[in-house]
Amino acid sequence: MIVVTGSVTARPETFEEVRRLSLEHVDRSRQEPGCISHAVHVDCENPLRLVFVEQWADRAALAVHFAVPASGAFVRALRSLAEGPTTLDLYDASKIEKL
């Protein structure tokens, strides 16, 4: 499984647009093959920062997701509305038994 984390900090005047675009992106991504989960959360310490947490079946599914034109448009839109740089980290993970 591939775990993706990312974040964007909106400018105060762009937060609602960033939030709207992010929710649309999450909803669209959840319909894609290989998407296990896809969510966006507001950071409790910085309410202008949105944090994304995603799980994908494998790198192939994630590559298809990144190739979707709407995904690229979403990233470009976020960058234009952000306070600073966006972040994106990928992790190769496997579930372990409960401790």
Protein backbone atom coordinates (compact mmCIF):
# COMPACT_ATOMS: atom_id res chain seq x y z
CA MET A 1 0.00 0.00 0.00
CA ILE A 2 1.15 3.54 -0.72
CA VAL A 3 0.40 6.25 1.84
CA VAL A 4 0.42 9.85 0.68
CA THR A 5 0.48 12.85 2.97
CA GLY A 6 0.36 16.43 1.82
CA SER A 7 -0.53 19.88 2.97
CA VAL A 8 -1.35 23.36 1.80
CA THR A 9 -1.62 26.57 3.78
CA ALA A 10 -4.12 28.98 2.28
CA ARG A 11 -4.02 32.72 2.50
CA PRO A 12 -6.90 33.99 4.67
CA GLU A 13 -8.76 35.35 1.64
CA THR A 14 -8.37 32.08 -0.33
CA PHE A 15 -9.18 29.53 2.39
CA GLU A 16 -12.79 28.88 1.36
CA GLU A 17 -11.76 28.32 -2.27
CA VAL A 18 -8.91 26.01 -1.22
CA ARG A 19 -11.33 24.09 1.00
CA ARG A 20 -13.92 23.78 -1.78
CA LEU A 21 -11.37 22.61 -4.35
CA SER A 22 -9.87 20.16 -1.84
CA LEU A 23 -13.23 18.57 -1.03
CA GLU A 24 -13.99 18.22 -4.75
CA HIS A 25 -10.59 16.61 -5.31
CA VAL A 26 -11.09 14.18 -2.41
CA ASP A 27 -14.55 13.19 -3.62
CA ARG A 28 -13.30 12.66 -7.18
CA SER A 29 -10.22 10.71 -6.04
CA ARG A 30 -12.25 8.32 -3.89
CA GLN A 31 -13.94 7.07 -7.08
CA GLU A 32 -10.65 6.12 -8.75
CA PRO A 33 -9.53 2.48 -9.01
CA GLY A 34 -7.00 1.61 -6.33
CA CYS A 35 -8.01 4.39 -3.92
CA ILE A 36 -8.40 2.85 -0.48
CA SER A 37 -8.99 6.15 1.31
CA HIS A 38 -8.58 9.84 0.62
CA ALA A 39 -9.27 12.59 3.14
CA VAL A 40 -8.55 16.22 3.91
CA HIS A 41 -8.43 17.70 7.42
CA VAL A 42 -8.05 21.16 8.92
CA ASP A 43 -4.92 21.46 11.06
CA CYS A 44 -5.95 22.16 14.68
CA GLU A 45 -2.86 24.31 15.26
CA ASN A 46 -3.16 26.32 12.04
CA PRO A 47 -6.74 26.61 10.77
CA LEU A 48 -5.53 27.89 7.38
CA ARG A 49 -3.60 24.64 6.77
CA LEU A 50 -5.27 21.63 5.17
CA VAL A 51 -3.69 18.20 5.51
CA PHE A 52 -4.31 15.34 3.08
CA VAL A 53 -4.00 11.67 4.00
CA GLU A 54 -4.42 9.07 1.26
CA GLN A 55 -4.04 5.31 0.88
CA TRP A 56 -3.57 3.71 -2.53
CA ALA A 57 -3.41 0.02 -3.40
CA ASP A 58 -0.07 0.37 -5.18
CA ARG A 59 2.22 2.72 -7.08
CA ALA A 60 0.47 1.94 -10.36
CA ALA A 61 -2.87 3.19 -9.01
CA LEU A 62 -1.19 6.31 -7.66
CA ALA A 63 0.52 6.94 -11.00
CA VAL A 64 -2.85 6.77 -12.74
CA HIS A 65 -4.25 9.21 -10.16
CA PHE A 66 -1.40 11.66 -10.77
CA ALA A 67 -2.00 11.40 -14.54
CA VAL A 68 -5.69 12.37 -14.30
CA PRO A 69 -5.95 15.87 -15.81
CA ALA A 70 -8.18 17.04 -12.95
CA SER A 71 -5.47 16.08 -10.44
CA GLY A 72 -2.92 18.26 -12.22
CA ALA A 73 -5.38 21.13 -12.45
CA PHE A 74 -6.10 20.79 -8.72
CA VAL A 75 -2.40 21.03 -7.82
CA ARG A 76 -1.90 24.08 -10.05
CA ALA A 77 -4.94 25.79 -8.53
CA LEU A 78 -3.74 25.11 -4.98
CA ARG A 79 -0.31 26.52 -5.70
CA SER A 80 -1.87 29.76 -6.93
CA LEU A 81 -4.01 30.07 -3.77
CA ALA A 82 -1.41 28.96 -1.20
CA GLU A 83 0.47 31.06 1.32
CA GLY A 84 3.67 29.12 0.62
CA PRO A 85 4.81 25.85 -0.92
CA THR A 86 2.61 22.77 -0.78
CA THR A 87 4.00 19.49 0.55
CA LEU A 88 3.66 15.94 -0.74
CA ASP A 89 5.26 12.81 0.73
CA LEU A 90 4.87 9.19 -0.40
CA TYR A 91 5.41 6.13 1.78
CA ASP A 92 5.46 2.44 0.94
CA ALA A 93 3.62 0.84 3.85
CA SER A 94 2.23 -2.45 4.98
CA LYS A 95 -0.31 -2.98 7.72
CA ILE A 96 0.93 -4.75 10.83
CA GLU A 97 -1.07 -6.70 13.35
CA LYS A 98 -2.47 -4.85 16.33
CA LEU A 99 -0.09 -4.66 19.26
